[in-house]
Amino acid sequence: MKILLICLITIFIDAENVMEKLYLKNGCNSCHGMYGEGIGASPRLQGVKEETLLRRLRNLQKGITRSANGAIMVSFAKALDENQTIQMAKYLSNLKTYIPKERYEIEYDPAGDGGS
């Protein structure tokens, strides 16, 4: 039983790593951000429901886009096979912004010195 569980976890982690590599290789991060947070006019992908992302990817594969800027996504979506499309939707829906354990917090003093 433990071996089966370990194998399933390993397969899941491997699939996630493959999707991360595909996301980076295709340059998705240059428009959608490293963690799918969205940049400028490019939409946020992280936290969007898997079903919604899958529907959008399949629409893009059919050449259907919601905006003129989305036309560039058609070729990226068409390059994914059915399994990759499903796995990419799952990967994107589970993306989380990386927050380091130790964050540098700037102290705010309302009196301040009037500087920038």
PDB file of N, CA and C in Angstrom:
ATOM      1  N   MET A   1       0.820  -1.191   0.000  1.00  0.00           N
ATOM      2  CA  MET A   1       0.000   0.000   0.000  1.00  0.00           C
ATOM      3  C   MET A   1       0.869   1.262   0.000  1.00  0.00           C
ATOM      4  N   LYS A   2       1.923   1.271   0.854  1.00  0.00           N
ATOM      5  CA  LYS A   2       2.811   2.427   0.910  1.00  0.00           C
ATOM      6  C   LYS A   2       3.513   2.643  -0.427  1.00  0.00           C
ATOM      7  N   ILE A   3       3.914   1.556  -1.070  1.00  0.00           N
ATOM      8  CA  ILE A   3       4.607   1.663  -2.358  1.00  0.00           C
ATOM      9  C   ILE A   3       3.682   2.273  -3.402  1.00  0.00           C
ATOM     10  N   LEU A   4       2.422   1.858  -3.425  1.00  0.00           N
ATOM     11  CA  LEU A   4       1.449   2.399  -4.364  1.00  0.00           C
ATOM     12  C   LEU A   4       1.252   3.895  -4.128  1.00  0.00           C
ATOM     13  N   LEU A   5       1.148   4.286  -2.880  1.00  0.00           N
ATOM     14  CA  LEU A   5       0.973   5.697  -2.533  1.00  0.00           C
ATOM     15  C   LEU A   5       2.189   6.516  -2.961  1.00  0.00           C
ATOM     16  N   ILE A   6       3.374   5.998  -2.708  1.00  0.00           N
ATOM     17  CA  ILE A   6       4.606   6.679  -3.108  1.00  0.00           C
ATOM     18  C   ILE A   6       4.662   6.824  -4.625  1.00  0.00           C
ATOM     19  N   CYS A   7       4.287   5.784  -5.347  1.00  0.00           N
ATOM     20  CA  CYS A   7       4.281   5.825  -6.814  1.00  0.00           C
ATOM     21  C   CYS A   7       3.301   6.886  -7.329  1.00  0.00           C
ATOM     22  N   LEU A   8       2.113   6.950  -6.730  1.00  0.00           N
ATOM     23  CA  LEU A   8       1.116   7.932  -7.153  1.00  0.00           C
ATOM     24  C   LEU A   8       1.591   9.361  -6.885  1.00  0.00           C
ATOM     25  N   ILE A   9       2.203   9.589  -5.735  1.00  0.00           N
ATOM     26  CA  ILE A   9       2.731  10.910  -5.404  1.00  0.00           C
ATOM     27  C   ILE A   9       3.841  11.285  -6.377  1.00  0.00           C
ATOM     28  N   THR A  10       4.720  10.348  -6.685  1.00  0.00           N
ATOM     29  CA  THR A  10       5.819  10.587  -7.617  1.00  0.00           C
ATOM     30  C   THR A  10       5.289  10.938  -9.004  1.00  0.00           C
ATOM     31  N   ILE A  11       4.279  10.224  -9.460  1.00  0.00           N
ATOM     32  CA  ILE A  11       3.682  10.496 -10.769  1.00  0.00           C
ATOM     33  C   ILE A  11       3.081  11.899 -10.788  1.00  0.00           C
ATOM     34  N   PHE A  12       2.385  12.277  -9.706  1.00  0.00           N
ATOM     35  CA  PHE A  12       1.776  13.604  -9.624  1.00  0.00           C
ATOM     36  C   PHE A  12       2.849  14.691  -9.666  1.00  0.00           C
ATOM     37  N   ILE A  13       3.912  14.521  -8.895  1.00  0.00           N
ATOM     38  CA  ILE A  13       4.996  15.505  -8.859  1.00  0.00           C
ATOM     39  C   ILE A  13       5.678  15.592 -10.215  1.00  0.00           C
ATOM     40  N   ASP A  14       5.916  14.447 -10.860  1.00  0.00           N
ATOM     41  CA  ASP A  14       6.534  14.448 -12.186  1.00  0.00           C
ATOM     42  C   ASP A  14       5.657  15.178 -13.202  1.00  0.00           C
ATOM     43  N   ALA A  15       4.343  14.931 -13.152  1.00  0.00           N
ATOM     44  CA  ALA A  15       3.425  15.591 -14.081  1.00  0.00           C
ATOM     45  C   ALA A  15       3.437  17.100 -13.852  1.00  0.00           C
ATOM     46  N   GLU A  16       3.482  17.512 -12.597  1.00  0.00           N
ATOM     47  CA  GLU A  16       3.519  18.940 -12.273  1.00  0.00           C
ATOM     48  C   GLU A  16       4.810  19.570 -12.791  1.00  0.00           C
ATOM     49  N   ASN A  17       5.935  18.876 -12.623  1.00  0.00           N
ATOM     50  CA  ASN A  17       7.217  19.394 -13.112  1.00  0.00           C
ATOM     51  C   ASN A  17       7.221  19.511 -14.631  1.00  0.00           C
ATOM     52  N   VAL A  18       6.612  18.551 -15.309  1.00  0.00           N
ATOM     53  CA  VAL A  18       6.536  18.588 -16.773  1.00  0.00           C
ATOM     54  C   VAL A  18       5.722  19.798 -17.218  1.00  0.00           C
ATOM     55  N   MET A  19       4.606  20.066 -16.536  1.00  0.00           N
ATOM     56  CA  MET A  19       3.769  21.204 -16.895  1.00  0.00           C
ATOM     57  C   MET A  19       4.462  22.527 -16.581  1.00  0.00           C
ATOM     58  N   GLU A  20       5.203  22.565 -15.481  1.00  0.00           N
ATOM     59  CA  GLU A  20       5.963  23.773 -15.153  1.00  0.00           C
ATOM     60  C   GLU A  20       7.006  24.048 -16.231  1.00  0.00           C
ATOM     61  N   LYS A  21       7.701  23.009 -16.657  1.00  0.00           N
ATOM     62  CA  LYS A  21       8.709  23.163 -17.711  1.00  0.00           C
ATOM     63  C   LYS A  21       8.073  23.614 -19.021  1.00  0.00           C
ATOM     64  N   LEU A  22       6.896  23.050 -19.350  1.00  0.00           N
ATOM     65  CA  LEU A  22       6.192  23.424 -20.571  1.00  0.00           C
ATOM     66  C   LEU A  22       5.727  24.884 -20.485  1.00  0.00           C
ATOM     67  N   TYR A  23       5.235  25.291 -19.322  1.00  0.00           N
ATOM     68  CA  TYR A  23       4.804  26.678 -19.084  1.00  0.00           C
ATOM     69  C   TYR A  23       5.968  27.639 -19.319  1.00  0.00           C
ATOM     70  N   LEU A  24       7.138  27.288 -18.780  1.00  0.00           N
ATOM     71  CA  LEU A  24       8.314  28.146 -18.932  1.00  0.00           C
ATOM     72  C   LEU A  24       8.886  28.073 -20.347  1.00  0.00           C
ATOM     73  N   LYS A  25       8.940  26.873 -20.922  1.00  0.00           N
ATOM     74  CA  LYS A  25       9.495  26.684 -22.262  1.00  0.00           C
ATOM     75  C   LYS A  25       8.716  27.480 -23.310  1.00  0.00           C
ATOM     76  N   ASN A  26       7.394  27.517 -23.155  1.00  0.00           N
ATOM     77  CA  ASN A  26       6.554  28.247 -24.105  1.00  0.00           C
ATOM     78  C   ASN A  26       6.512  29.739 -23.818  1.00  0.00           C
ATOM     79  N   GLY A  27       7.190  30.165 -22.750  1.00  0.00           N
ATOM     80  CA  GLY A  27       7.253  31.583 -22.422  1.00  0.00           C
ATOM     81  C   GLY A  27       5.965  32.136 -21.845  1.00  0.00           C
ATOM     82  N   CYS A  28       5.108  31.276 -21.321  1.00  0.00           N
ATOM     83  CA  CYS A  28       3.831  31.721 -20.744  1.00  0.00           C
ATOM     84  C   CYS A  28       4.060  32.745 -19.635  1.00  0.00           C
ATOM     85  N   ASN A  29       5.157  32.550 -18.902  1.00  0.00           N
ATOM     86  CA  ASN A  29       5.462  33.430 -17.776  1.00  0.00           C
ATOM     87  C   ASN A  29       5.760  34.867 -18.205  1.00  0.00           C
ATOM     88  N   SER A  30       6.167  35.071 -19.456  1.00  0.00           N
ATOM     89  CA  SER A  30       6.490  36.433 -19.897  1.00  0.00           C
ATOM     90  C   SER A  30       5.245  37.314 -19.976  1.00  0.00           C
ATOM     91  N   CYS A  31       4.078  36.725 -20.162  1.00  0.00           N
ATOM     92  CA  CYS A  31       2.833  37.504 -20.203  1.00  0.00           C
ATOM     93  C   CYS A  31       1.950  37.259 -18.977  1.00  0.00           C
ATOM     94  N   HIS A  32       1.914  36.014 -18.535  1.00  0.00           N
ATOM     95  CA  HIS A  32       1.006  35.653 -17.441  1.00  0.00           C
ATOM     96  C   HIS A  32       1.676  35.654 -16.073  1.00  0.00           C
ATOM     97  N   GLY A  33       2.988  35.873 -16.030  1.00  0.00           N
ATOM     98  CA  GLY A  33       3.703  35.897 -14.761  1.00  0.00           C
ATOM     99  C   GLY A  33       4.217  34.528 -14.370  1.00  0.00           C
ATOM    100  N   MET A  34       5.226  34.530 -13.542  1.00  0.00           N
ATOM    101  CA  MET A  34       5.868  33.288 -13.115  1.00  0.00           C
ATOM    102  C   MET A  34       4.889  32.334 -12.418  1.00  0.00           C
ATOM    103  N   TYR A  35       3.934  32.918 -11.723  1.00  0.00           N
ATOM    104  CA  TYR A  35       2.976  32.100 -10.975  1.00  0.00           C
ATOM    105  C   TYR A  35       1.555  32.285 -11.511  1.00  0.00           C
ATOM    106  N   GLY A  36       1.449  32.697 -12.773  1.00  0.00           N
ATOM    107  CA  GLY A  36       0.141  32.863 -13.389  1.00  0.00           C
ATOM    108  C   GLY A  36      -0.658  34.021 -12.816  1.00  0.00           C
ATOM    109  N   GLU A  37       0.038  34.976 -12.186  1.00  0.00           N
ATOM    110  CA  GLU A  37      -0.654  36.086 -11.518  1.00  0.00           C
ATOM    111  C   GLU A  37      -1.167  37.144 -12.488  1.00  0.00           C
ATOM    112  N   GLY A  38      -0.771  37.068 -13.751  1.00  0.00           N
ATOM    113  CA  GLY A  38      -1.210  38.029 -14.754  1.00  0.00           C
ATOM    114  C   GLY A  38      -0.333  39.260 -14.758  1.00  0.00           C
ATOM    115  N   ILE A  39      -0.039  39.768 -15.947  1.00  0.00           N
ATOM    116  CA  ILE A  39       0.786  40.967 -16.098  1.00  0.00           C
ATOM    117  C   ILE A  39       0.093  41.865 -17.114  1.00  0.00           C
ATOM    118  N   GLY A  40      -0.142  43.105 -16.735  1.00  0.00           N
ATOM    119  CA  GLY A  40      -0.768  44.054 -17.653  1.00  0.00           C
ATOM    120  C   GLY A  40      -2.106  43.547 -18.161  1.00  0.00           C
ATOM    121  N   ALA A  41      -2.245  43.498 -19.484  1.00  0.00           N
ATOM    122  CA  ALA A  41      -3.503  43.060 -20.100  1.00  0.00           C
ATOM    123  C   ALA A  41      -3.643  41.540 -20.120  1.00  0.00           C
ATOM    124  N   SER A  42      -2.577  40.823 -19.789  1.00  0.00           N
ATOM    125  CA  SER A  42      -2.635  39.348 -19.783  1.00  0.00           C
ATOM    126  C   SER A  42      -3.353  38.884 -18.520  1.00  0.00           C
ATOM    127  N   PRO A  43      -4.339  38.014 -18.679  1.00  0.00           N
ATOM    128  CA  PRO A  43      -5.158  37.635 -17.526  1.00  0.00           C
ATOM    129  C   PRO A  43      -4.432  36.768 -16.495  1.00  0.00           C
ATOM    130  N   ARG A  44      -4.929  36.868 -15.271  1.00  0.00           N
ATOM    131  CA  ARG A  44      -4.470  36.006 -14.183  1.00  0.00           C
ATOM    132  C   ARG A  44      -4.982  34.601 -14.463  1.00  0.00           C
ATOM    133  N   LEU A  45      -4.136  33.615 -14.259  1.00  0.00           N
ATOM    134  CA  LEU A  45      -4.508  32.213 -14.453  1.00  0.00           C
ATOM    135  C   LEU A  45      -4.566  31.473 -13.118  1.00  0.00           C
ATOM    136  N   GLN A  46      -3.742  31.889 -12.166  1.00  0.00           N
ATOM    137  CA  GLN A  46      -3.704  31.199 -10.887  1.00  0.00           C
ATOM    138  C   GLN A  46      -5.041  31.357 -10.172  1.00  0.00           C
ATOM    139  N   GLY A  47      -5.492  30.258  -9.605  1.00  0.00           N
ATOM    140  CA  GLY A  47      -6.728  30.278  -8.835  1.00  0.00           C
ATOM    141  C   GLY A  47      -7.995  30.178  -9.661  1.00  0.00           C
ATOM    142  N   VAL A  48      -7.881  30.232 -10.981  1.00  0.00           N
ATOM    143  CA  VAL A  48      -9.056  30.071 -11.835  1.00  0.00           C
ATOM    144  C   VAL A  48      -9.434  28.590 -11.816  1.00  0.00           C
ATOM    145  N   LYS A  49     -10.720  28.305 -11.795  1.00  0.00           N
ATOM    146  CA  LYS A  49     -11.187  26.916 -11.729  1.00  0.00           C
ATOM    147  C   LYS A  49     -10.661  26.115 -12.912  1.00  0.00           C
ATOM    148  N   GLU A  50     -10.282  24.886 -12.615  1.00  0.00           N
ATOM    149  CA  GLU A  50      -9.728  23.992 -13.640  1.00  0.00           C
ATOM    150  C   GLU A  50     -10.675  23.859 -14.834  1.00  0.00           C
ATOM    151  N   GLU A  51     -11.968  23.726 -14.575  1.00  0.00           N
ATOM    152  CA  GLU A  51     -12.957  23.564 -15.645  1.00  0.00           C
ATOM    153  C   GLU A  51     -12.978  24.787 -16.560  1.00  0.00           C
ATOM    154  N   THR A  52     -12.854  25.968 -15.963  1.00  0.00           N
ATOM    155  CA  THR A  52     -12.848  27.212 -16.744  1.00  0.00           C
ATOM    156  C   THR A  52     -11.607  27.283 -17.631  1.00  0.00           C
ATOM    157  N   LEU A  53     -10.458  26.952 -17.053  1.00  0.00           N
ATOM    158  CA  LEU A  53      -9.211  26.967 -17.825  1.00  0.00           C
ATOM    159  C   LEU A  53      -9.247  25.943 -18.953  1.00  0.00           C
ATOM    160  N   LEU A  54      -9.787  24.763 -18.667  1.00  0.00           N
ATOM    161  CA  LEU A  54      -9.880  23.717 -19.687  1.00  0.00           C
ATOM    162  C   LEU A  54     -10.785  24.182 -20.831  1.00  0.00           C
ATOM    163  N   ARG A  55     -11.918  24.803 -20.490  1.00  0.00           N
ATOM    164  CA  ARG A  55     -12.831  25.312 -21.516  1.00  0.00           C
ATOM    165  C   ARG A  55     -12.143  26.385 -22.354  1.00  0.00           C
ATOM    166  N   ARG A  56     -11.409  27.296 -21.703  1.00  0.00           N
ATOM    167  CA  ARG A  56     -10.713  28.365 -22.435  1.00  0.00           C
ATOM    168  C   ARG A  56      -9.632  27.802 -23.348  1.00  0.00           C
ATOM    169  N   LEU A  57      -8.862  26.838 -22.841  1.00  0.00           N
ATOM    170  CA  LEU A  57      -7.822  26.223 -23.676  1.00  0.00           C
ATOM    171  C   LEU A  57      -8.434  25.525 -24.890  1.00  0.00           C
ATOM    172  N   ARG A  58      -9.521  24.806 -24.682  1.00  0.00           N
ATOM    173  CA  ARG A  58     -10.173  24.104 -25.800  1.00  0.00           C
ATOM    174  C   ARG A  58     -10.756  25.099 -26.798  1.00  0.00           C
ATOM    175  N   ASN A  59     -11.310  26.206 -26.309  1.00  0.00           N
ATOM    176  CA  ASN A  59     -11.814  27.243 -27.223  1.00  0.00           C
ATOM    177  C   ASN A  59     -10.667  27.832 -28.042  1.00  0.00           C
ATOM    178  N   LEU A  60      -9.548  28.093 -27.386  1.00  0.00           N
ATOM    179  CA  LEU A  60      -8.383  28.613 -28.107  1.00  0.00           C
ATOM    180  C   LEU A  60      -7.913  27.626 -29.173  1.00  0.00           C
ATOM    181  N   GLN A  61      -7.961  26.337 -28.861  1.00  0.00           N
ATOM    182  CA  GLN A  61      -7.561  25.320 -29.836  1.00  0.00           C
ATOM    183  C   GLN A  61      -8.482  25.327 -31.059  1.00  0.00           C
ATOM    184  N   LYS A  62      -9.713  25.808 -30.869  1.00  0.00           N
ATOM    185  CA  LYS A  62     -10.667  25.937 -31.975  1.00  0.00           C
ATOM    186  C   LYS A  62     -10.561  27.296 -32.651  1.00  0.00           C
ATOM    187  N   GLY A  63      -9.665  28.157 -32.143  1.00  0.00           N
ATOM    188  CA  GLY A  63      -9.498  29.481 -32.705  1.00  0.00           C
ATOM    189  C   GLY A  63     -10.429  30.518 -32.103  1.00  0.00           C
ATOM    190  N   ILE A  64     -11.120  30.162 -31.039  1.00  0.00           N
ATOM    191  CA  ILE A  64     -12.057  31.076 -30.388  1.00  0.00           C
ATOM    192  C   ILE A  64     -11.333  31.796 -29.256  1.00  0.00           C
ATOM    193  N   THR A  65     -11.362  33.127 -29.317  1.00  0.00           N
ATOM    194  CA  THR A  65     -10.722  33.930 -28.282  1.00  0.00           C
ATOM    195  C   THR A  65     -11.677  35.035 -27.848  1.00  0.00           C
ATOM    196  N   ARG A  66     -11.465  35.535 -26.634  1.00  0.00           N
ATOM    197  CA  ARG A  66     -12.352  36.566 -26.084  1.00  0.00           C
ATOM    198  C   ARG A  66     -11.845  37.977 -26.356  1.00  0.00           C
ATOM    199  N   SER A  67     -10.634  38.100 -26.883  1.00  0.00           N
ATOM    200  CA  SER A  67     -10.083  39.433 -27.145  1.00  0.00           C
ATOM    201  C   SER A  67      -9.111  39.368 -28.313  1.00  0.00           C
ATOM    202  N   ALA A  68      -8.836  40.536 -28.876  1.00  0.00           N
ATOM    203  CA  ALA A  68      -7.877  40.608 -29.983  1.00  0.00           C
ATOM    204  C   ALA A  68      -6.494  40.169 -29.525  1.00  0.00           C
ATOM    205  N   ASN A  69      -6.136  40.510 -28.293  1.00  0.00           N
ATOM    206  CA  ASN A  69      -4.832  40.106 -27.750  1.00  0.00           C
ATOM    207  C   ASN A  69      -4.745  38.596 -27.545  1.00  0.00           C
ATOM    208  N   GLY A  70      -5.880  37.942 -27.394  1.00  0.00           N
ATOM    209  CA  GLY A  70      -5.906  36.497 -27.178  1.00  0.00           C
ATOM    210  C   GLY A  70      -5.541  35.695 -28.413  1.00  0.00           C
ATOM    211  N   ALA A  71      -5.509  36.349 -29.578  1.00  0.00           N
ATOM    212  CA  ALA A  71      -5.203  35.633 -30.821  1.00  0.00           C
ATOM    213  C   ALA A  71      -3.830  34.962 -30.773  1.00  0.00           C
ATOM    214  N   ILE A  72      -2.893  35.578 -30.054  1.00  0.00           N
ATOM    215  CA  ILE A  72      -1.555  34.980 -29.953  1.00  0.00           C
ATOM    216  C   ILE A  72      -1.600  33.635 -29.234  1.00  0.00           C
ATOM    217  N   MET A  73      -2.606  33.456 -28.367  1.00  0.00           N
ATOM    218  CA  MET A  73      -2.721  32.228 -27.576  1.00  0.00           C
ATOM    219  C   MET A  73      -3.183  31.032 -28.406  1.00  0.00           C
ATOM    220  N   VAL A  74      -3.796  31.280 -29.539  1.00  0.00           N
ATOM    221  CA  VAL A  74      -4.325  30.181 -30.359  1.00  0.00           C
ATOM    222  C   VAL A  74      -3.217  29.200 -30.734  1.00  0.00           C
ATOM    223  N   SER A  75      -2.089  29.693 -31.214  1.00  0.00           N
ATOM    224  CA  SER A  75      -0.999  28.792 -31.620  1.00  0.00           C
ATOM    225  C   SER A  75      -0.411  28.046 -30.423  1.00  0.00           C
ATOM    226  N   PHE A  76      -0.316  28.714 -29.269  1.00  0.00           N
ATOM    227  CA  PHE A  76       0.193  28.035 -28.067  1.00  0.00           C
ATOM    228  C   PHE A  76      -0.751  26.910 -27.655  1.00  0.00           C
ATOM    229  N   ALA A  77      -2.047  27.197 -27.660  1.00  0.00           N
ATOM    230  CA  ALA A  77      -3.032  26.193 -27.250  1.00  0.00           C
ATOM    231  C   ALA A  77      -3.072  25.019 -28.230  1.00  0.00           C
ATOM    232  N   LYS A  78      -2.972  25.314 -29.520  1.00  0.00           N
ATOM    233  CA  LYS A  78      -3.013  24.251 -30.531  1.00  0.00           C
ATOM    234  C   LYS A  78      -1.800  23.330 -30.447  1.00  0.00           C
ATOM    235  N   ALA A  79      -0.714  23.812 -29.871  1.00  0.00           N
ATOM    236  CA  ALA A  79       0.498  22.993 -29.740  1.00  0.00           C
ATOM    237  C   ALA A  79       0.361  21.931 -28.644  1.00  0.00           C
ATOM    238  N   LEU A  80      -0.655  22.049 -27.787  1.00  0.00           N
ATOM    239  CA  LEU A  80      -0.861  21.076 -26.703  1.00  0.00           C
ATOM    240  C   LEU A  80      -1.701  19.911 -27.190  1.00  0.00           C
ATOM    241  N   ASP A  81      -1.297  18.688 -26.834  1.00  0.00           N
ATOM    242  CA  ASP A  81      -2.156  17.542 -27.130  1.00  0.00           C
ATOM    243  C   ASP A  81      -3.243  17.471 -26.053  1.00  0.00           C
ATOM    244  N   GLU A  82      -4.180  16.544 -26.186  1.00  0.00           N
ATOM    245  CA  GLU A  82      -5.316  16.465 -25.254  1.00  0.00           C
ATOM    246  C   GLU A  82      -4.863  16.269 -23.810  1.00  0.00           C
ATOM    247  N   ASN A  83      -3.908  15.378 -23.584  1.00  0.00           N
ATOM    248  CA  ASN A  83      -3.417  15.138 -22.227  1.00  0.00           C
ATOM    249  C   ASN A  83      -2.736  16.382 -21.662  1.00  0.00           C
ATOM    250  N   GLN A  84      -1.912  17.039 -22.469  1.00  0.00           N
ATOM    251  CA  GLN A  84      -1.236  18.257 -22.024  1.00  0.00           C
ATOM    252  C   GLN A  84      -2.241  19.368 -21.716  1.00  0.00           C
ATOM    253  N   THR A  85      -3.301  19.446 -22.488  1.00  0.00           N
ATOM    254  CA  THR A  85      -4.342  20.451 -22.269  1.00  0.00           C
ATOM    255  C   THR A  85      -4.988  20.244 -20.907  1.00  0.00           C
ATOM    256  N   ILE A  86      -5.343  19.013 -20.601  1.00  0.00           N
ATOM    257  CA  ILE A  86      -5.959  18.683 -19.315  1.00  0.00           C
ATOM    258  C   ILE A  86      -4.986  18.955 -18.173  1.00  0.00           C
ATOM    259  N   GLN A  87      -3.742  18.510 -18.326  1.00  0.00           N
ATOM    260  CA  GLN A  87      -2.743  18.694 -17.276  1.00  0.00           C
ATOM    261  C   GLN A  87      -2.392  20.170 -17.080  1.00  0.00           C
ATOM    262  N   MET A  88      -2.362  20.952 -18.171  1.00  0.00           N
ATOM    263  CA  MET A  88      -2.057  22.374 -18.052  1.00  0.00           C
ATOM    264  C   MET A  88      -3.162  23.097 -17.287  1.00  0.00           C
ATOM    265  N   ALA A  89      -4.407  22.764 -17.572  1.00  0.00           N
ATOM    266  CA  ALA A  89      -5.523  23.373 -16.833  1.00  0.00           C
ATOM    267  C   ALA A  89      -5.415  23.055 -15.345  1.00  0.00           C
ATOM    268  N   LYS A  90      -5.079  21.820 -15.034  1.00  0.00           N
ATOM    269  CA  LYS A  90      -4.912  21.410 -13.636  1.00  0.00           C
ATOM    270  C   LYS A  90      -3.736  22.147 -13.001  1.00  0.00           C
ATOM    271  N   TYR A  91      -2.622  22.220 -13.703  1.00  0.00           N
ATOM    272  CA  TYR A  91      -1.425  22.897 -13.193  1.00  0.00           C
ATOM    273  C   TYR A  91      -1.715  24.371 -12.900  1.00  0.00           C
ATOM    274  N   LEU A  92      -2.321  25.065 -13.866  1.00  0.00           N
ATOM    275  CA  LEU A  92      -2.592  26.490 -13.711  1.00  0.00           C
ATOM    276  C   LEU A  92      -3.567  26.773 -12.574  1.00  0.00           C
ATOM    277  N   SER A  93      -4.560  25.913 -12.421  1.00  0.00           N
ATOM    278  CA  SER A  93      -5.557  26.142 -11.369  1.00  0.00           C
ATOM    279  C   SER A  93      -4.969  25.980  -9.971  1.00  0.00           C
ATOM    280  N   ASN A  94      -3.853  25.278  -9.879  1.00  0.00           N
ATOM    281  CA  ASN A  94      -3.219  25.039  -8.576  1.00  0.00           C
ATOM    282  C   ASN A  94      -2.013  25.933  -8.304  1.00  0.00           C
ATOM    283  N   LEU A  95      -1.693  26.843  -9.224  1.00  0.00           N
ATOM    284  CA  LEU A  95      -0.554  27.736  -9.017  1.00  0.00           C
ATOM    285  C   LEU A  95      -0.789  28.647  -7.814  1.00  0.00           C
ATOM    286  N   LYS A  96       0.259  28.872  -7.074  1.00  0.00           N
ATOM    287  CA  LYS A  96       0.220  29.780  -5.928  1.00  0.00           C
ATOM    288  C   LYS A  96       1.427  30.705  -6.028  1.00  0.00           C
ATOM    289  N   THR A  97       1.242  31.937  -5.642  1.00  0.00           N
ATOM    290  CA  THR A  97       2.350  32.888  -5.626  1.00  0.00           C
ATOM    291  C   THR A  97       3.315  32.483  -4.531  1.00  0.00           C
ATOM    292  N   TYR A  98       4.580  32.466  -4.868  1.00  0.00           N
ATOM    293  CA  TYR A  98       5.617  32.115  -3.897  1.00  0.00           C
ATOM    294  C   TYR A  98       5.779  33.248  -2.896  1.00  0.00           C
ATOM    295  N   ILE A  99       5.670  32.926  -1.632  1.00  0.00           N
ATOM    296  CA  ILE A  99       5.902  33.902  -0.566  1.00  0.00           C
ATOM    297  C   ILE A  99       6.992  33.327   0.327  1.00  0.00           C
ATOM    298  N   PRO A 100       8.147  33.976   0.353  1.00  0.00           N
ATOM    299  CA  PRO A 100       9.231  33.452   1.188  1.00  0.00           C
ATOM    300  C   PRO A 100       8.834  33.451   2.659  1.00  0.00           C
ATOM    301  N   LYS A 101       9.402  32.521   3.418  1.00  0.00           N
ATOM    302  CA  LYS A 101       9.083  32.406   4.839  1.00  0.00           C
ATOM    303  C   LYS A 101       9.513  33.649   5.605  1.00  0.00           C
ATOM    304  N   GLU A 102      10.655  34.179   5.261  1.00  0.00           N
ATOM    305  CA  GLU A 102      11.127  35.395   5.918  1.00  0.00           C
ATOM    306  C   GLU A 102      10.990  36.536   4.928  1.00  0.00           C
ATOM    307  N   ARG A 103      10.079  37.428   5.209  1.00  0.00           N
ATOM    308  CA  ARG A 103       9.857  38.564   4.321  1.00  0.00           C
ATOM    309  C   ARG A 103      10.413  39.823   4.951  1.00  0.00           C
ATOM    310  N   TYR A 104      10.938  40.652   4.112  1.00  0.00           N
ATOM    311  CA  TYR A 104      11.424  41.945   4.565  1.00  0.00           C
ATOM    312  C   TYR A 104      10.219  42.870   4.634  1.00  0.00           C
ATOM    313  N   GLU A 105       9.907  43.337   5.790  1.00  0.00           N
ATOM    314  CA  GLU A 105       8.771  44.229   5.979  1.00  0.00           C
ATOM    315  C   GLU A 105       9.286  45.641   6.245  1.00  0.00           C
ATOM    316  N   ILE A 106       8.833  46.569   5.458  1.00  0.00           N
ATOM    317  CA  ILE A 106       9.205  47.963   5.662  1.00  0.00           C
ATOM    318  C   ILE A 106       8.306  48.514   6.763  1.00  0.00           C
ATOM    319  N   GLU A 107       8.918  49.118   7.758  1.00  0.00           N
ATOM    320  CA  GLU A 107       8.135  49.722   8.828  1.00  0.00           C
ATOM    321  C   GLU A 107       7.538  51.022   8.316  1.00  0.00           C
ATOM    322  N   TYR A 108       6.289  51.213   8.602  1.00  0.00           N
ATOM    323  CA  TYR A 108       5.604  52.418   8.167  1.00  0.00           C
ATOM    324  C   TYR A 108       5.411  53.338   9.351  1.00  0.00           C
ATOM    325  N   ASP A 109       5.874  54.551   9.196  1.00  0.00           N
ATOM    326  CA  ASP A 109       5.704  55.564  10.223  1.00  0.00           C
ATOM    327  C   ASP A 109       4.897  56.702   9.614  1.00  0.00           C
ATOM    328  N   PRO A 110       3.627  56.879  10.061  1.00  0.00           N
ATOM    329  CA  PRO A 110       2.789  57.901   9.452  1.00  0.00           C
ATOM    330  C   PRO A 110       3.374  59.304   9.548  1.00  0.00           C
ATOM    331  N   ALA A 111       4.191  59.547  10.577  1.00  0.00           N
ATOM    332  CA  ALA A 111       4.824  60.868  10.693  1.00  0.00           C
ATOM    333  C   ALA A 111       5.853  61.025   9.574  1.00  0.00           C
ATOM    334  N   GLY A 112       6.587  59.956   9.323  1.00  0.00           N
ATOM    335  CA  GLY A 112       7.556  59.912   8.236  1.00  0.00           C
ATOM    336  C   GLY A 112       8.476  61.098   8.153  1.00  0.00           C
ATOM    337  N   ASP A 113       9.332  61.062   7.155  1.00  0.00           N
ATOM    338  CA  ASP A 113      10.265  62.170   6.965  1.00  0.00           C
ATOM    339  C   ASP A 113       9.903  62.963   5.705  1.00  0.00           C
ATOM    340  N   GLY A 114       8.793  62.546   5.062  1.00  0.00           N
ATOM    341  CA  GLY A 114       8.341  63.262   3.855  1.00  0.00           C
ATOM    342  C   GLY A 114       9.089  62.846   2.613  1.00  0.00           C
ATOM    343  N   GLY A 115      10.022  61.886   2.760  1.00  0.00           N
ATOM    344  CA  GLY A 115      10.781  61.434   1.595  1.00  0.00           C
ATOM    345  C   GLY A 115      10.004  60.435   0.772  1.00  0.00           C
ATOM    346  N   SER A 116      10.628  59.946  -0.240  1.00  0.00           N
ATOM    347  CA  SER A 116       9.961  59.022  -1.141  1.00  0.00           C
ATOM    348  C   SER A 116       9.862  57.638  -0.563  1.00  0.00           C
TER     349      SER A 116
END
